[in-house]
Every structure is written in structure tokens, then in C-alpha cells.
């Protein structure tokens, strides 16, 4: 079995959209600060590129939440495997995610975050697959709305592979 990957969103287009999202966040939080919660592992590339371009003060923390394992479809079981190190109470929190599809993981995570009493809570996702949504999740800052394909690159993986690709690609498995 060999994986064939076709480019869906090239690197230049990704970086242009990251700049636009950073500008919007900077404008929305002018005179304030933001606390980014990077959802590991997939959103680390996106979070770093976003944070570098936000012009208001930024702090960053990390959470790891999983519902995938090594498959291409969500298992539906959400686990927090790493919680934030710092309190979010009273902070302007932006949860940064690589992709929102079914919404199960983010719905659960945002409910947990609300209980921690942030001053504000928003969601920023590089990719959004609304056709797969089963839980109501509002994405405040969306990079790209994509069709229902399994994608990798720019942090997204397939069985821990392909995170380092500088573009978003679609995985197609072929037999040799």
C-alpha cells in the first residue's frame, strides 16, 4: 500500500489566509491581549504561524484532545490527554484547531473551556468541513471551508505521517 497525496491548498494560499486571520484577530482585540490554546498535535504549525503575525499581546498554552487514533474517521470518543498549564479565567481565549469536521471534539472541548470562566471564548480553525457536522460548533475564524476529504499537511496527519508537508493535501491510498 502506498499513499498518493494531491495538493488541495498550496503553501502560498495557506500563508496568505493565515495573514488575513491574524489581521482580523488583531483588529478584533485591539487594545487587549489574547490567550491562544493550541490543540496538539495538529494545530501546532497553524498556531505558530498565526501567533507570529498577531499584533496584540499573545500568550500560548496547549491542550491535547483526541477522537481519532490512527484512523481516518473520528472514533466519537473524546479524551483530554493534556490540559492547559495556565488558568484561562478572565482571559480572551481563542482555541486554535487544525480542522473541525463532526464537531464532537470541539463541542466537548468548548464546553469544558466555558466552565473555566474565560472573559471571552472563540474558535479559530484552519479548516472547516461543515458537511460532516453532527454537533453545533460555531467557528469564529475560519481559514478554509473544504469538502469532505481526508486531508494532511501543515500539521494534519495520517497515522502520524505527513504533518510536515507545507501544504494541505488529500490522501488517496492506492495498491501497487
N, C-alpha and C. Protein backbone atom coordinates (compact mmCIF):
# COMPACT_ATOMS: atom_id res chain seq x y z
N UNK A 1 0.85 -1.19 0.00
CA UNK A 1 0.00 0.00 0.00
C UNK A 1 0.89 1.24 0.00
N UNK A 2 0.62 2.17 -0.87
CA UNK A 2 1.36 3.42 -0.95
C UNK A 2 0.36 4.57 -0.95
N UNK A 3 0.72 5.65 -0.27
CA UNK A 3 -0.17 6.80 -0.20
C UNK A 3 0.18 7.80 -1.30
N UNK A 4 -0.84 8.22 -2.02
CA UNK A 4 -0.68 9.27 -3.02
C UNK A 4 -1.35 10.52 -2.45
N UNK A 5 -0.65 11.64 -2.50
CA UNK A 5 -1.19 12.89 -1.94
C UNK A 5 -1.26 13.93 -3.05
N UNK A 6 -2.45 14.50 -3.24
CA UNK A 6 -2.60 15.59 -4.20
C UNK A 6 -2.82 16.90 -3.44
N UNK A 7 -2.27 17.98 -3.96
CA UNK A 7 -2.35 19.28 -3.30
C UNK A 7 -3.77 19.84 -3.40
N UNK A 8 -4.34 20.18 -2.26
CA UNK A 8 -5.65 20.82 -2.21
C UNK A 8 -5.49 22.33 -2.03
N UNK A 9 -4.64 22.73 -1.06
CA UNK A 9 -4.40 24.15 -0.79
C UNK A 9 -2.89 24.35 -0.76
N UNK A 10 -2.35 25.07 -1.75
CA UNK A 10 -0.89 25.27 -1.80
C UNK A 10 -0.38 26.17 -0.66
N UNK A 11 0.91 26.05 -0.37
CA UNK A 11 1.54 26.79 0.72
C UNK A 11 1.29 28.30 0.64
N UNK A 12 1.40 28.89 -0.53
CA UNK A 12 1.23 30.33 -0.68
C UNK A 12 -0.17 30.77 -0.27
N UNK A 13 -1.16 29.98 -0.65
CA UNK A 13 -2.55 30.29 -0.31
C UNK A 13 -2.78 30.13 1.20
N UNK A 14 -2.18 29.11 1.80
CA UNK A 14 -2.27 28.92 3.25
C UNK A 14 -1.72 30.13 4.00
N UNK A 15 -0.52 30.55 3.61
CA UNK A 15 0.13 31.66 4.32
C UNK A 15 -0.62 32.97 4.14
N UNK A 16 -1.20 33.18 2.97
CA UNK A 16 -2.00 34.39 2.73
C UNK A 16 -3.20 34.40 3.68
N UNK A 17 -3.86 33.26 3.81
CA UNK A 17 -5.03 33.19 4.67
C UNK A 17 -4.66 33.32 6.15
N UNK A 18 -3.52 32.78 6.56
CA UNK A 18 -3.04 32.93 7.93
C UNK A 18 -2.82 34.42 8.24
N UNK A 19 -2.23 35.14 7.30
CA UNK A 19 -2.03 36.59 7.49
C UNK A 19 -3.37 37.31 7.66
N UNK A 20 -4.35 36.95 6.82
CA UNK A 20 -5.66 37.59 6.91
C UNK A 20 -6.34 37.30 8.25
N UNK A 21 -6.26 36.07 8.71
CA UNK A 21 -6.85 35.73 10.02
C UNK A 21 -6.15 36.47 11.15
N UNK A 22 -4.83 36.56 11.08
CA UNK A 22 -4.06 37.29 12.10
C UNK A 22 -4.45 38.76 12.13
N UNK A 23 -4.64 39.35 10.97
CA UNK A 23 -5.05 40.75 10.89
C UNK A 23 -6.43 40.94 11.50
N UNK A 24 -7.37 40.02 11.23
CA UNK A 24 -8.71 40.13 11.78
C UNK A 24 -8.70 39.98 13.31
N UNK A 25 -7.95 39.01 13.81
CA UNK A 25 -7.84 38.82 15.26
C UNK A 25 -7.21 40.06 15.91
N UNK A 26 -6.16 40.58 15.31
CA UNK A 26 -5.50 41.79 15.84
C UNK A 26 -6.47 42.97 15.89
N UNK A 27 -7.28 43.12 14.87
CA UNK A 27 -8.28 44.19 14.82
C UNK A 27 -9.35 43.98 15.89
N UNK A 28 -9.86 42.74 15.99
CA UNK A 28 -10.92 42.44 16.95
C UNK A 28 -10.48 42.62 18.40
N UNK A 29 -9.20 42.42 18.68
CA UNK A 29 -8.69 42.50 20.05
C UNK A 29 -7.77 43.70 20.26
N UNK A 30 -7.92 44.72 19.43
CA UNK A 30 -7.09 45.93 19.56
C UNK A 30 -7.20 46.49 20.98
N UNK A 31 -6.04 46.77 21.60
CA UNK A 31 -6.01 47.30 22.95
C UNK A 31 -6.15 46.24 24.03
N UNK A 32 -6.24 44.97 23.64
CA UNK A 32 -6.37 43.87 24.58
C UNK A 32 -5.27 42.84 24.30
N UNK A 33 -5.36 41.73 24.97
CA UNK A 33 -4.44 40.62 24.69
C UNK A 33 -5.26 39.37 24.43
N UNK A 34 -4.62 38.38 23.80
CA UNK A 34 -5.30 37.12 23.53
C UNK A 34 -4.47 35.96 24.07
N UNK A 35 -5.17 34.94 24.49
CA UNK A 35 -4.54 33.72 25.00
C UNK A 35 -4.93 32.59 24.05
N UNK A 36 -3.98 32.14 23.24
CA UNK A 36 -4.23 31.09 22.28
C UNK A 36 -4.08 29.72 22.95
N UNK A 37 -5.05 28.85 22.74
CA UNK A 37 -4.95 27.47 23.20
C UNK A 37 -4.75 26.62 21.95
N UNK A 38 -3.54 26.15 21.77
CA UNK A 38 -3.18 25.32 20.63
C UNK A 38 -3.58 23.88 20.93
N UNK A 39 -4.39 23.31 20.06
CA UNK A 39 -4.81 21.92 20.23
C UNK A 39 -3.79 21.02 19.54
N UNK A 40 -3.05 20.28 20.37
CA UNK A 40 -1.99 19.41 19.87
C UNK A 40 -2.58 18.14 19.26
N UNK A 41 -1.92 17.56 18.34
CA UNK A 41 -0.68 17.97 17.75
C UNK A 41 -0.94 18.75 16.46
N UNK A 42 -2.11 18.53 15.90
CA UNK A 42 -2.40 19.03 14.56
C UNK A 42 -2.33 20.52 14.34
N UNK A 43 -2.66 21.33 15.34
CA UNK A 43 -2.72 22.77 15.08
C UNK A 43 -1.44 23.51 15.44
N UNK A 44 -0.37 22.81 15.78
CA UNK A 44 0.85 23.49 16.22
C UNK A 44 1.46 24.36 15.11
N UNK A 45 1.49 23.88 13.88
CA UNK A 45 2.05 24.67 12.79
C UNK A 45 1.19 25.92 12.57
N UNK A 46 -0.12 25.74 12.52
CA UNK A 46 -1.06 26.84 12.32
C UNK A 46 -0.97 27.86 13.44
N UNK A 47 -0.95 27.39 14.69
CA UNK A 47 -0.87 28.29 15.84
C UNK A 47 0.39 29.14 15.81
N UNK A 48 1.52 28.54 15.51
CA UNK A 48 2.78 29.28 15.46
C UNK A 48 2.75 30.36 14.38
N UNK A 49 2.29 30.00 13.20
CA UNK A 49 2.23 30.98 12.10
C UNK A 49 1.24 32.10 12.43
N UNK A 50 0.13 31.76 13.03
CA UNK A 50 -0.88 32.74 13.42
C UNK A 50 -0.33 33.69 14.48
N UNK A 51 0.26 33.13 15.53
CA UNK A 51 0.78 33.93 16.65
C UNK A 51 1.86 34.91 16.20
N UNK A 52 2.71 34.48 15.28
CA UNK A 52 3.80 35.35 14.80
C UNK A 52 3.27 36.62 14.14
N UNK A 53 2.05 36.58 13.65
CA UNK A 53 1.50 37.69 12.87
C UNK A 53 0.45 38.51 13.62
N UNK A 54 0.03 38.06 14.79
CA UNK A 54 -0.94 38.83 15.59
C UNK A 54 -0.18 39.98 16.25
N UNK A 55 -0.74 41.17 16.16
CA UNK A 55 -0.03 42.36 16.63
C UNK A 55 -0.37 42.77 18.06
N UNK A 56 -1.39 42.18 18.68
CA UNK A 56 -1.68 42.45 20.09
C UNK A 56 -0.90 41.45 20.93
N UNK A 57 -0.73 41.71 22.24
CA UNK A 57 -0.01 40.74 23.08
C UNK A 57 -0.65 39.36 23.04
N UNK A 58 0.19 38.33 22.91
CA UNK A 58 -0.26 36.95 22.78
C UNK A 58 0.43 36.07 23.82
N UNK A 59 -0.37 35.22 24.48
CA UNK A 59 0.18 34.13 25.28
C UNK A 59 -0.35 32.84 24.67
N UNK A 60 0.38 31.76 24.88
CA UNK A 60 0.02 30.49 24.27
C UNK A 60 0.07 29.38 25.31
N UNK A 61 -0.91 28.51 25.25
CA UNK A 61 -0.92 27.30 26.06
C UNK A 61 -1.35 26.16 25.15
N UNK A 62 -1.29 24.94 25.66
CA UNK A 62 -1.55 23.77 24.84
C UNK A 62 -2.50 22.81 25.52
N UNK A 63 -3.32 22.17 24.71
CA UNK A 63 -4.17 21.06 25.14
C UNK A 63 -4.03 19.97 24.10
N UNK A 64 -4.23 18.74 24.54
CA UNK A 64 -4.28 17.65 23.60
C UNK A 64 -5.59 16.92 23.82
N UNK A 65 -6.37 16.87 22.76
CA UNK A 65 -7.68 16.26 22.79
C UNK A 65 -7.75 15.33 21.60
N UNK A 66 -8.25 14.13 21.79
CA UNK A 66 -8.24 13.17 20.70
C UNK A 66 -9.56 12.45 20.54
N UNK A 67 -9.91 12.21 19.28
CA UNK A 67 -11.04 11.33 18.97
C UNK A 67 -10.75 10.52 17.71
N UNK A 68 -9.49 10.45 17.31
CA UNK A 68 -9.14 9.77 16.07
C UNK A 68 -8.35 8.48 16.22
N UNK A 69 -7.27 8.48 16.97
CA UNK A 69 -6.37 7.32 16.96
C UNK A 69 -5.60 7.33 15.66
N UNK A 70 -5.46 6.18 15.01
CA UNK A 70 -4.73 6.09 13.76
C UNK A 70 -5.63 6.02 12.53
N UNK A 71 -6.92 6.18 12.71
CA UNK A 71 -7.84 6.05 11.59
C UNK A 71 -8.07 7.35 10.84
N UNK A 72 -8.95 7.28 9.85
CA UNK A 72 -9.29 8.45 9.06
C UNK A 72 -10.65 9.01 9.44
N UNK A 73 -11.37 8.34 10.33
CA UNK A 73 -12.68 8.79 10.79
C UNK A 73 -12.64 8.93 12.31
N UNK A 74 -13.40 9.90 12.82
CA UNK A 74 -13.47 10.11 14.26
C UNK A 74 -14.06 8.89 14.95
N UNK A 75 -13.47 8.52 16.09
CA UNK A 75 -14.00 7.39 16.86
C UNK A 75 -15.24 7.79 17.63
N UNK A 76 -15.45 9.11 17.83
CA UNK A 76 -16.61 9.60 18.58
C UNK A 76 -16.35 9.67 20.08
N UNK A 77 -15.26 9.08 20.54
CA UNK A 77 -14.91 9.12 21.96
C UNK A 77 -13.86 10.20 22.15
N UNK A 78 -14.17 11.22 22.95
CA UNK A 78 -13.27 12.35 23.14
C UNK A 78 -12.49 12.17 24.43
N UNK A 79 -11.18 12.35 24.34
CA UNK A 79 -10.32 12.25 25.52
C UNK A 79 -9.44 13.49 25.60
N UNK A 80 -9.35 14.10 26.80
CA UNK A 80 -8.37 15.16 27.04
C UNK A 80 -7.13 14.45 27.56
N UNK A 81 -6.06 14.47 26.78
CA UNK A 81 -4.84 13.80 27.19
C UNK A 81 -3.81 14.76 27.76
N UNK A 82 -4.02 16.07 27.53
CA UNK A 82 -3.20 17.11 28.16
C UNK A 82 -4.06 18.34 28.33
N UNK A 83 -4.19 18.81 29.57
CA UNK A 83 -4.95 20.03 29.84
C UNK A 83 -4.01 21.23 29.83
N UNK A 84 -4.58 22.43 29.85
CA UNK A 84 -3.78 23.65 29.88
C UNK A 84 -2.93 23.70 31.14
N UNK A 85 -1.79 24.38 31.05
CA UNK A 85 -0.92 24.56 32.21
C UNK A 85 -1.33 25.79 33.02
N UNK A 86 -1.89 26.79 32.34
CA UNK A 86 -2.26 28.06 32.98
C UNK A 86 -3.77 28.18 33.07
N UNK A 87 -4.22 29.00 34.00
CA UNK A 87 -5.64 29.30 34.10
C UNK A 87 -6.07 30.17 32.92
N UNK A 88 -7.31 30.00 32.49
CA UNK A 88 -7.83 30.84 31.42
C UNK A 88 -8.86 31.83 31.97
N UNK A 89 -9.12 31.75 33.26
CA UNK A 89 -10.12 32.63 33.87
C UNK A 89 -9.78 34.09 33.61
N UNK A 90 -10.77 34.82 33.09
CA UNK A 90 -10.62 36.25 32.83
C UNK A 90 -9.83 36.60 31.57
N UNK A 91 -9.42 35.63 30.81
CA UNK A 91 -8.62 35.89 29.59
C UNK A 91 -9.49 35.79 28.34
N UNK A 92 -9.04 36.51 27.30
CA UNK A 92 -9.65 36.39 25.98
C UNK A 92 -9.04 35.17 25.30
N UNK A 93 -9.77 34.07 25.33
CA UNK A 93 -9.25 32.79 24.85
C UNK A 93 -9.70 32.54 23.41
N UNK A 94 -8.73 32.13 22.60
CA UNK A 94 -9.03 31.65 21.25
C UNK A 94 -8.48 30.23 21.16
N UNK A 95 -9.37 29.27 21.01
CA UNK A 95 -8.97 27.88 20.81
C UNK A 95 -8.58 27.76 19.33
N UNK A 96 -7.36 27.28 19.09
CA UNK A 96 -6.86 27.15 17.72
C UNK A 96 -6.80 25.68 17.36
N UNK A 97 -7.57 25.32 16.34
CA UNK A 97 -7.70 23.93 15.91
C UNK A 97 -7.29 23.82 14.44
N UNK A 98 -6.84 22.62 14.07
CA UNK A 98 -6.46 22.40 12.67
C UNK A 98 -7.69 22.20 11.79
N UNK A 99 -8.66 21.42 12.27
CA UNK A 99 -9.83 21.10 11.44
C UNK A 99 -11.05 20.83 12.32
N UNK A 100 -12.20 21.28 11.86
CA UNK A 100 -13.47 20.97 12.51
C UNK A 100 -14.28 20.19 11.49
N UNK A 101 -14.63 18.95 11.85
CA UNK A 101 -15.49 18.18 10.96
C UNK A 101 -16.78 17.79 11.68
N UNK A 102 -16.84 16.67 12.37
CA UNK A 102 -18.08 16.27 13.04
C UNK A 102 -18.49 17.27 14.11
N UNK A 103 -17.51 17.93 14.72
CA UNK A 103 -17.79 18.87 15.80
C UNK A 103 -17.80 18.22 17.16
N UNK A 104 -17.74 16.89 17.23
CA UNK A 104 -17.78 16.20 18.52
C UNK A 104 -16.68 16.66 19.47
N UNK A 105 -15.45 16.66 18.99
CA UNK A 105 -14.30 17.03 19.83
C UNK A 105 -14.40 18.47 20.29
N UNK A 106 -14.67 19.38 19.34
CA UNK A 106 -14.70 20.80 19.68
C UNK A 106 -15.89 21.16 20.55
N UNK A 107 -17.02 20.53 20.33
CA UNK A 107 -18.19 20.78 21.17
C UNK A 107 -17.86 20.44 22.62
N UNK A 108 -17.27 19.27 22.82
CA UNK A 108 -16.85 18.83 24.16
C UNK A 108 -15.82 19.80 24.75
N UNK A 109 -14.80 20.12 23.97
CA UNK A 109 -13.72 20.99 24.45
C UNK A 109 -14.22 22.38 24.81
N UNK A 110 -15.07 22.97 23.98
CA UNK A 110 -15.58 24.32 24.26
C UNK A 110 -16.45 24.33 25.51
N UNK A 111 -17.21 23.27 25.75
CA UNK A 111 -18.00 23.18 26.98
C UNK A 111 -17.09 23.13 28.21
N UNK A 112 -15.99 22.38 28.11
CA UNK A 112 -15.00 22.32 29.20
C UNK A 112 -14.38 23.70 29.42
N UNK A 113 -14.03 24.38 28.33
CA UNK A 113 -13.39 25.70 28.44
C UNK A 113 -14.33 26.75 29.05
N UNK A 114 -15.61 26.70 28.71
CA UNK A 114 -16.59 27.65 29.27
C UNK A 114 -16.64 27.56 30.79
N UNK A 115 -16.49 26.36 31.33
CA UNK A 115 -16.52 26.16 32.77
C UNK A 115 -15.32 26.80 33.47
N UNK A 116 -14.27 27.11 32.71
CA UNK A 116 -13.06 27.72 33.27
C UNK A 116 -13.14 29.24 33.32
N UNK A 117 -14.28 29.81 32.92
CA UNK A 117 -14.61 31.23 33.05
C UNK A 117 -13.66 32.20 32.34
N UNK A 118 -13.42 31.99 31.04
CA UNK A 118 -12.63 32.99 30.31
C UNK A 118 -13.46 34.26 30.12
N UNK A 119 -12.79 35.41 29.91
CA UNK A 119 -13.50 36.65 29.62
C UNK A 119 -14.27 36.51 28.31
N UNK A 120 -13.64 35.87 27.33
CA UNK A 120 -14.29 35.57 26.06
C UNK A 120 -13.71 34.26 25.55
N UNK A 121 -14.48 33.59 24.70
CA UNK A 121 -14.05 32.31 24.15
C UNK A 121 -14.44 32.24 22.68
N UNK A 122 -13.44 32.10 21.83
CA UNK A 122 -13.69 31.98 20.39
C UNK A 122 -12.92 30.79 19.85
N UNK A 123 -13.32 30.37 18.66
CA UNK A 123 -12.69 29.25 17.99
C UNK A 123 -12.13 29.69 16.65
N UNK A 124 -10.87 29.33 16.42
CA UNK A 124 -10.21 29.60 15.14
C UNK A 124 -9.77 28.26 14.58
N UNK A 125 -10.21 27.95 13.36
CA UNK A 125 -9.84 26.69 12.75
C UNK A 125 -9.30 26.93 11.35
N UNK A 126 -8.20 26.27 11.06
CA UNK A 126 -7.62 26.38 9.72
C UNK A 126 -8.60 25.85 8.68
N UNK A 127 -9.19 24.69 8.97
CA UNK A 127 -10.10 24.05 8.02
C UNK A 127 -11.43 23.75 8.67
N UNK A 128 -12.50 23.82 7.88
CA UNK A 128 -13.84 23.52 8.35
C UNK A 128 -14.52 22.62 7.31
N UNK A 129 -15.07 21.49 7.78
CA UNK A 129 -15.82 20.56 6.94
C UNK A 129 -17.27 20.55 7.42
N UNK A 130 -18.07 21.55 7.07
CA UNK A 130 -19.43 21.62 7.60
C UNK A 130 -20.33 20.46 7.17
N UNK A 131 -20.03 19.80 6.07
CA UNK A 131 -20.85 18.68 5.61
C UNK A 131 -20.82 17.50 6.58
N UNK A 132 -19.80 17.43 7.42
CA UNK A 132 -19.66 16.32 8.38
C UNK A 132 -20.19 16.66 9.77
N UNK A 133 -20.68 17.89 9.96
CA UNK A 133 -21.06 18.37 11.29
C UNK A 133 -22.24 17.59 11.86
N UNK A 134 -22.05 17.08 13.09
CA UNK A 134 -23.14 16.43 13.82
C UNK A 134 -23.42 17.17 15.14
N UNK A 135 -22.47 17.98 15.61
CA UNK A 135 -22.65 18.79 16.82
C UNK A 135 -22.58 20.26 16.41
N UNK A 136 -23.40 21.11 17.03
CA UNK A 136 -23.38 22.54 16.68
C UNK A 136 -22.13 23.24 17.21
N UNK A 137 -21.21 23.56 16.31
CA UNK A 137 -19.99 24.25 16.69
C UNK A 137 -19.85 25.47 15.80
N UNK A 138 -19.71 26.65 16.42
CA UNK A 138 -19.54 27.89 15.67
C UNK A 138 -18.06 28.20 15.56
N UNK A 139 -17.56 28.28 14.34
CA UNK A 139 -16.16 28.64 14.11
C UNK A 139 -16.12 30.15 13.87
N UNK A 140 -15.46 30.88 14.77
CA UNK A 140 -15.41 32.34 14.68
C UNK A 140 -14.43 32.82 13.62
N UNK A 141 -13.33 32.13 13.48
CA UNK A 141 -12.30 32.47 12.49
C UNK A 141 -11.99 31.21 11.68
N UNK A 142 -12.38 31.22 10.42
CA UNK A 142 -12.21 30.05 9.56
C UNK A 142 -11.20 30.35 8.47
N UNK A 143 -10.22 29.44 8.34
CA UNK A 143 -9.26 29.57 7.26
C UNK A 143 -9.89 29.21 5.93
N UNK A 144 -10.31 27.95 5.81
CA UNK A 144 -10.89 27.44 4.56
C UNK A 144 -12.02 26.48 4.87
N UNK A 145 -13.10 26.59 4.11
CA UNK A 145 -14.17 25.60 4.15
C UNK A 145 -13.83 24.60 3.05
N UNK A 146 -13.76 23.32 3.43
CA UNK A 146 -13.37 22.30 2.45
C UNK A 146 -14.44 21.21 2.35
N UNK A 147 -14.38 20.46 1.26
CA UNK A 147 -15.29 19.33 1.09
C UNK A 147 -14.82 18.17 1.95
N UNK A 148 -15.64 17.15 2.04
CA UNK A 148 -15.39 16.01 2.91
C UNK A 148 -14.36 15.06 2.29
N UNK A 149 -13.10 15.41 2.44
CA UNK A 149 -11.99 14.57 2.01
C UNK A 149 -11.01 14.46 3.18
N UNK A 150 -10.25 13.36 3.24
CA UNK A 150 -9.28 13.22 4.31
C UNK A 150 -8.00 13.95 3.90
N UNK A 151 -7.63 14.97 4.69
CA UNK A 151 -6.52 15.85 4.33
C UNK A 151 -5.36 15.74 5.32
N UNK A 152 -4.17 16.06 4.82
CA UNK A 152 -2.95 16.04 5.61
C UNK A 152 -2.12 17.28 5.27
N UNK A 153 -1.08 17.50 6.08
CA UNK A 153 -0.15 18.59 5.84
C UNK A 153 -0.40 19.76 6.76
N UNK A 154 0.61 20.62 6.91
CA UNK A 154 0.54 21.82 7.74
C UNK A 154 0.04 21.46 9.14
N UNK A 155 0.49 20.29 9.65
CA UNK A 155 0.13 19.84 10.98
C UNK A 155 -0.82 18.66 11.01
N UNK A 156 -1.65 18.53 9.99
CA UNK A 156 -2.60 17.41 9.95
C UNK A 156 -1.89 16.15 9.52
N UNK A 157 -2.30 15.02 10.13
CA UNK A 157 -1.57 13.78 9.86
C UNK A 157 -2.49 12.65 9.43
N UNK A 158 -1.85 11.61 8.96
CA UNK A 158 -2.48 10.31 8.72
C UNK A 158 -1.57 9.30 9.40
N UNK A 159 -2.04 8.72 10.54
CA UNK A 159 -1.23 7.79 11.32
C UNK A 159 0.14 8.39 11.66
N UNK A 160 0.13 9.65 12.06
CA UNK A 160 1.31 10.42 12.48
C UNK A 160 2.25 10.80 11.33
N UNK A 161 1.87 10.54 10.10
CA UNK A 161 2.70 10.91 8.94
C UNK A 161 2.14 12.17 8.26
N UNK A 162 3.00 12.86 7.55
CA UNK A 162 2.66 13.98 6.65
C UNK A 162 2.39 15.31 7.34
N UNK A 163 2.57 15.42 8.66
CA UNK A 163 2.37 16.71 9.34
C UNK A 163 3.26 17.80 8.76
N UNK A 164 4.45 17.41 8.32
CA UNK A 164 5.46 18.39 7.90
C UNK A 164 5.26 18.91 6.48
N UNK A 165 4.27 18.44 5.75
CA UNK A 165 4.03 18.97 4.41
C UNK A 165 3.66 20.45 4.53
N UNK A 166 4.20 21.31 3.66
CA UNK A 166 3.92 22.75 3.76
C UNK A 166 2.60 23.17 3.12
N UNK A 167 1.81 22.23 2.66
CA UNK A 167 0.54 22.49 2.01
C UNK A 167 -0.52 21.53 2.59
N UNK A 168 -1.78 21.76 2.22
CA UNK A 168 -2.85 20.83 2.58
C UNK A 168 -3.06 19.92 1.38
N UNK A 169 -2.97 18.61 1.64
CA UNK A 169 -3.14 17.64 0.57
C UNK A 169 -4.20 16.62 0.90
N UNK A 170 -4.72 15.99 -0.14
CA UNK A 170 -5.72 14.93 0.01
C UNK A 170 -5.00 13.59 -0.13
N UNK A 171 -5.24 12.69 0.83
CA UNK A 171 -4.63 11.36 0.79
C UNK A 171 -5.54 10.42 0.01
N UNK A 172 -4.94 9.73 -0.96
CA UNK A 172 -5.62 8.69 -1.70
C UNK A 172 -4.75 7.46 -1.63
N UNK A 173 -5.27 6.38 -1.08
CA UNK A 173 -4.49 5.15 -0.99
C UNK A 173 -4.64 4.36 -2.29
N UNK A 174 -3.52 3.85 -2.78
CA UNK A 174 -3.54 3.04 -3.98
C UNK A 174 -2.73 1.77 -3.76
N UNK A 175 -3.14 0.68 -4.37
CA UNK A 175 -2.39 -0.58 -4.28
C UNK A 175 -1.34 -0.63 -5.38
N UNK A 176 -0.18 -1.16 -5.02
CA UNK A 176 0.87 -1.31 -6.03
C UNK A 176 1.12 -2.76 -6.31
